[in-house]
Amino acid sequence: MIRVLLVHDTSLLRSALGALLGREPDLEVVQASWGTARQQARSLQPDVCVVDVDCPGSTTLANAAEFARTVAHKGSALLVLASPARPGMLRRAFDARALGYVNKDAGPQRLLEGIREVAGGRRFVDESLAFSFLRVAEMPLTPRELNVLELAAEGATIAEIARGLHLSQGTVRNYMSAITRKTGARNRVDAIRISRSAGWL
């Protein structure tokens, strides 16, 4: 029996997907929101954790990365549901050590195949995400630039970003100029929009 923890913040979608997976005789499925995911993972000790990295509770994969660290030492495999239009999310899922990647537009059989593959310790990448994985290398921003942009996206001022990252205000301005140039944006707001659309934020 494969123990599956399904994490999604939209109750209706989580319930429907859980019911679909629960029909399989070899799967035992438990559902959780991002708020209860870690607690459920500790009690269930799942073989596979299926997470939707685009749902609001995942907060730009920060929760997914921390969640992955929580479950990894328990021997759980992380399988993410992702959109090919957001290669940045794939990159961040890879950095979070996800073992499986299923396109959210794929049929249920692909998800079932992915769950069974990662439960066996094998990497699974839906072929429809292959081109998006190639685009992952195109992410132009460095980790530090992403840190600056994430704080800017939260509404932080230059001074607040500088204090938060222990940088001078001039250095933060230089980072913002580089971010705007690298993303081809017109200004900071446009850079945030472009980066969110690509899934870098």
Protein backbone atom coordinates (compact mmCIF):
# COMPACT_ATOMS: atom_id res chain seq x y z
CA MET A 1 0.00 0.00 0.00
CA ILE A 2 1.35 3.43 -0.98
CA ARG A 3 0.56 6.14 1.59
CA VAL A 4 -0.12 9.45 -0.19
CA LEU A 5 -0.45 12.88 1.39
CA LEU A 6 -2.25 15.30 -0.95
CA VAL A 7 -1.58 18.98 -0.17
CA HIS A 8 -3.71 21.72 -1.71
CA ASP A 9 -5.34 24.83 -0.23
CA THR A 10 -8.50 24.74 -2.36
CA SER A 11 -10.84 22.40 -0.53
CA LEU A 12 -13.06 21.50 -3.48
CA LEU A 13 -10.14 20.58 -5.75
CA ARG A 14 -8.37 18.74 -2.94
CA SER A 15 -11.49 16.69 -2.19
CA ALA A 16 -12.11 15.83 -5.84
CA LEU A 17 -8.51 14.79 -6.45
CA GLY A 18 -8.42 12.87 -3.19
CA ALA A 19 -11.58 10.97 -4.14
CA LEU A 20 -10.09 10.12 -7.54
CA LEU A 21 -6.84 8.82 -6.06
CA GLY A 22 -8.69 7.02 -3.28
CA ARG A 23 -10.36 4.71 -5.79
CA GLU A 24 -7.04 3.00 -6.49
CA PRO A 25 -6.65 -0.21 -4.45
CA ASP A 26 -2.93 0.33 -3.86
CA LEU A 27 -3.22 3.92 -2.58
CA GLU A 28 -4.11 5.19 0.88
CA VAL A 29 -4.82 8.92 0.55
CA VAL A 30 -4.90 11.62 3.23
CA GLN A 31 -5.69 15.24 2.33
CA ALA A 32 -4.27 18.38 3.92
CA SER A 33 -4.13 22.13 3.44
CA TRP A 34 -0.75 23.85 3.60
CA GLY A 35 -1.58 24.91 7.14
CA THR A 36 -1.81 21.32 8.38
CA ALA A 37 0.56 19.61 5.91
CA ARG A 38 3.58 19.23 8.18
CA GLN A 39 1.52 17.90 11.07
CA GLN A 40 -0.18 15.39 8.76
CA ALA A 41 3.17 14.35 7.29
CA ARG A 42 4.55 13.63 10.74
CA SER A 43 1.58 11.49 11.77
CA LEU A 44 1.03 9.70 8.45
CA GLN A 45 4.67 9.33 7.38
CA PRO A 46 3.59 9.12 3.73
CA ASP A 47 5.51 7.41 0.96
CA VAL A 48 4.60 10.23 -1.44
CA CYS A 49 3.58 13.84 -0.85
CA VAL A 50 1.67 15.37 -3.78
CA VAL A 51 1.67 19.17 -3.68
CA ASP A 52 0.29 21.87 -5.95
CA VAL A 53 3.04 24.49 -6.03
CA ASP A 54 0.81 27.12 -7.62
CA CYS A 55 -1.86 27.23 -4.93
CA PRO A 56 -1.84 30.29 -2.65
CA GLY A 57 -0.72 28.55 0.53
CA SER A 58 2.54 27.39 -1.01
CA THR A 59 3.74 31.04 -1.04
CA THR A 60 6.22 30.89 -3.88
CA LEU A 61 7.38 27.45 -2.91
CA ALA A 62 8.88 28.61 0.37
CA ASN A 63 6.45 26.32 2.19
CA ALA A 64 7.08 23.52 -0.29
CA ALA A 65 10.84 23.73 0.23
CA GLU A 66 10.49 23.66 4.01
CA PHE A 67 7.87 20.94 3.73
CA ALA A 68 10.23 18.90 1.52
CA ARG A 69 12.95 19.14 4.18
CA THR A 70 10.45 18.05 6.83
CA VAL A 71 9.35 14.95 4.95
CA ALA A 72 12.67 14.01 3.32
CA HIS A 73 14.21 12.58 6.46
CA LYS A 74 11.05 10.50 6.91
CA GLY A 75 11.71 8.85 3.55
CA SER A 76 8.84 10.57 1.73
CA ALA A 77 9.12 11.52 -1.95
CA LEU A 78 7.86 14.91 -3.13
CA LEU A 79 5.76 15.02 -6.32
CA VAL A 80 4.68 18.43 -7.57
CA LEU A 81 1.77 19.44 -9.77
CA ALA A 82 3.04 22.23 -12.00
CA SER A 83 2.14 24.38 -14.96
CA PRO A 84 4.39 24.38 -18.06
CA ALA A 85 3.83 28.14 -18.37
CA ARG A 86 5.75 28.74 -15.13
CA PRO A 87 9.29 27.33 -15.54
CA GLY A 88 10.49 29.25 -12.50
CA MET A 89 8.25 27.10 -10.31
CA LEU A 90 9.83 23.98 -11.78
CA ARG A 91 13.27 25.33 -10.94
CA ARG A 92 12.26 26.03 -7.38
CA ALA A 93 10.60 22.63 -7.07
CA PHE A 94 13.84 21.05 -8.29
CA ASP A 95 15.76 23.06 -5.70
CA ALA A 96 13.29 21.75 -3.10
CA ARG A 97 14.37 18.22 -4.15
CA ALA A 98 11.11 17.15 -5.73
CA LEU A 99 11.39 13.68 -7.26
CA GLY A 100 8.31 13.87 -9.51
CA TYR A 101 6.73 16.51 -11.76
CA VAL A 102 3.24 16.18 -13.26
CA ASN A 103 1.59 18.71 -15.55
CA LYS A 104 -1.63 20.02 -13.96
CA ASP A 105 -3.28 19.73 -17.37
CA ALA A 106 -2.38 16.03 -17.70
CA GLY A 107 -4.89 13.23 -17.29
CA PRO A 108 -5.33 11.33 -14.02
CA GLN A 109 -3.32 8.37 -15.33
CA ARG A 110 -0.18 10.51 -15.50
CA LEU A 111 -0.57 11.47 -11.86
CA LEU A 112 -1.11 7.86 -10.85
CA GLU A 113 1.93 6.80 -12.86
CA GLY A 114 3.97 9.55 -11.24
CA ILE A 115 2.92 8.56 -7.73
CA ARG A 116 3.84 4.93 -8.30
CA GLU A 117 7.18 5.82 -9.87
CA VAL A 118 8.35 8.15 -7.10
CA ALA A 119 7.05 5.73 -4.45
CA GLY A 120 9.56 3.30 -5.92
CA GLY A 121 12.34 5.88 -5.61
CA ARG A 122 12.43 6.71 -9.32
CA ARG A 123 12.35 10.21 -10.82
CA PHE A 124 9.25 11.01 -12.86
CA VAL A 125 8.91 13.97 -15.25
CA ASP A 126 5.76 14.34 -17.32
CA GLU A 127 7.01 14.65 -20.91
CA SER A 128 4.75 17.66 -21.48
CA LEU A 129 6.96 19.56 -19.00
CA ALA A 130 10.21 18.76 -20.84
CA PHE A 131 10.37 22.03 -22.78
CA SER A 132 9.63 23.96 -19.59
CA PHE A 133 12.54 22.22 -17.90
CA LEU A 134 14.77 23.40 -20.75
CA ARG A 135 13.51 26.95 -20.10
CA VAL A 136 14.47 26.64 -16.42
CA ALA A 137 18.05 27.44 -17.39
CA GLU A 138 16.85 30.75 -18.82
CA MET A 139 16.04 32.22 -15.40
CA PRO A 140 18.17 35.38 -15.50
CA LEU A 141 18.13 36.35 -11.83
CA THR A 142 20.66 35.32 -9.20
CA PRO A 143 19.46 34.06 -5.80
CA ARG A 144 20.35 37.42 -4.23
CA GLU A 145 18.42 39.32 -6.91
CA LEU A 146 15.44 37.06 -6.25
CA ASN A 147 15.69 37.87 -2.53
CA VAL A 148 15.62 41.58 -3.31
CA LEU A 149 12.72 41.22 -5.73
CA GLU A 150 10.70 39.06 -3.31
CA LEU A 151 10.95 41.77 -0.65
CA ALA A 152 10.06 44.44 -3.20
CA ALA A 153 7.03 42.37 -4.25
CA GLU A 154 5.91 42.36 -0.60
CA GLY A 155 5.95 46.17 -0.68
CA ALA A 156 9.25 46.76 1.11
CA THR A 157 11.02 50.06 0.43
CA ILE A 158 14.67 50.29 -0.64
CA ALA A 159 15.63 51.13 2.96
CA GLU A 160 13.65 48.17 4.34
CA ILE A 161 15.18 45.77 1.81
CA ALA A 162 18.65 47.07 2.68
CA ARG A 163 18.05 46.54 6.41
CA GLY A 164 16.49 43.13 5.90
CA LEU A 165 19.34 41.82 3.75
CA HIS A 166 22.16 43.75 5.52
CA LEU A 167 23.05 45.70 2.37
CA SER A 168 23.57 49.36 1.63
CA GLN A 169 20.73 51.22 -0.07
CA GLY A 170 23.01 51.87 -3.06
CA THR A 171 23.60 48.12 -3.45
CA VAL A 172 19.87 47.46 -3.35
CA ARG A 173 19.32 50.12 -6.04
CA ASN A 174 22.00 48.45 -8.15
CA TYR A 175 20.25 45.09 -7.72
CA MET A 176 16.92 46.60 -8.71
CA SER A 177 18.49 48.13 -11.83
CA ALA A 178 20.01 44.76 -12.76
CA ILE A 179 16.69 43.00 -12.16
CA THR A 180 14.83 45.47 -14.36
CA ARG A 181 17.42 45.11 -17.14
CA LYS A 182 17.62 41.28 -16.98
CA THR A 183 13.86 40.79 -17.03
CA GLY A 184 13.36 43.33 -19.83
CA ALA A 185 10.99 45.23 -17.58
CA ARG A 186 10.12 48.93 -17.72
CA ASN A 187 10.26 49.38 -13.96
CA ARG A 188 10.13 47.55 -10.63
CA VAL A 189 6.40 46.80 -10.83
CA ASP A 190 6.81 45.39 -14.33
CA ALA A 191 9.77 43.25 -13.16
CA ILE A 192 7.59 41.82 -10.38
CA ARG A 193 4.78 41.08 -12.86
CA ILE A 194 7.13 39.36 -15.32
CA SER A 195 8.81 37.32 -12.59
CA ARG A 196 5.52 36.20 -11.08
CA SER A 197 4.18 35.22 -14.48
CA ALA A 198 7.26 33.04 -15.12
CA GLY A 199 7.04 31.53 -11.65
CA TRP A 200 10.37 32.93 -10.44
CA LEU A 201 8.54 34.57 -7.53
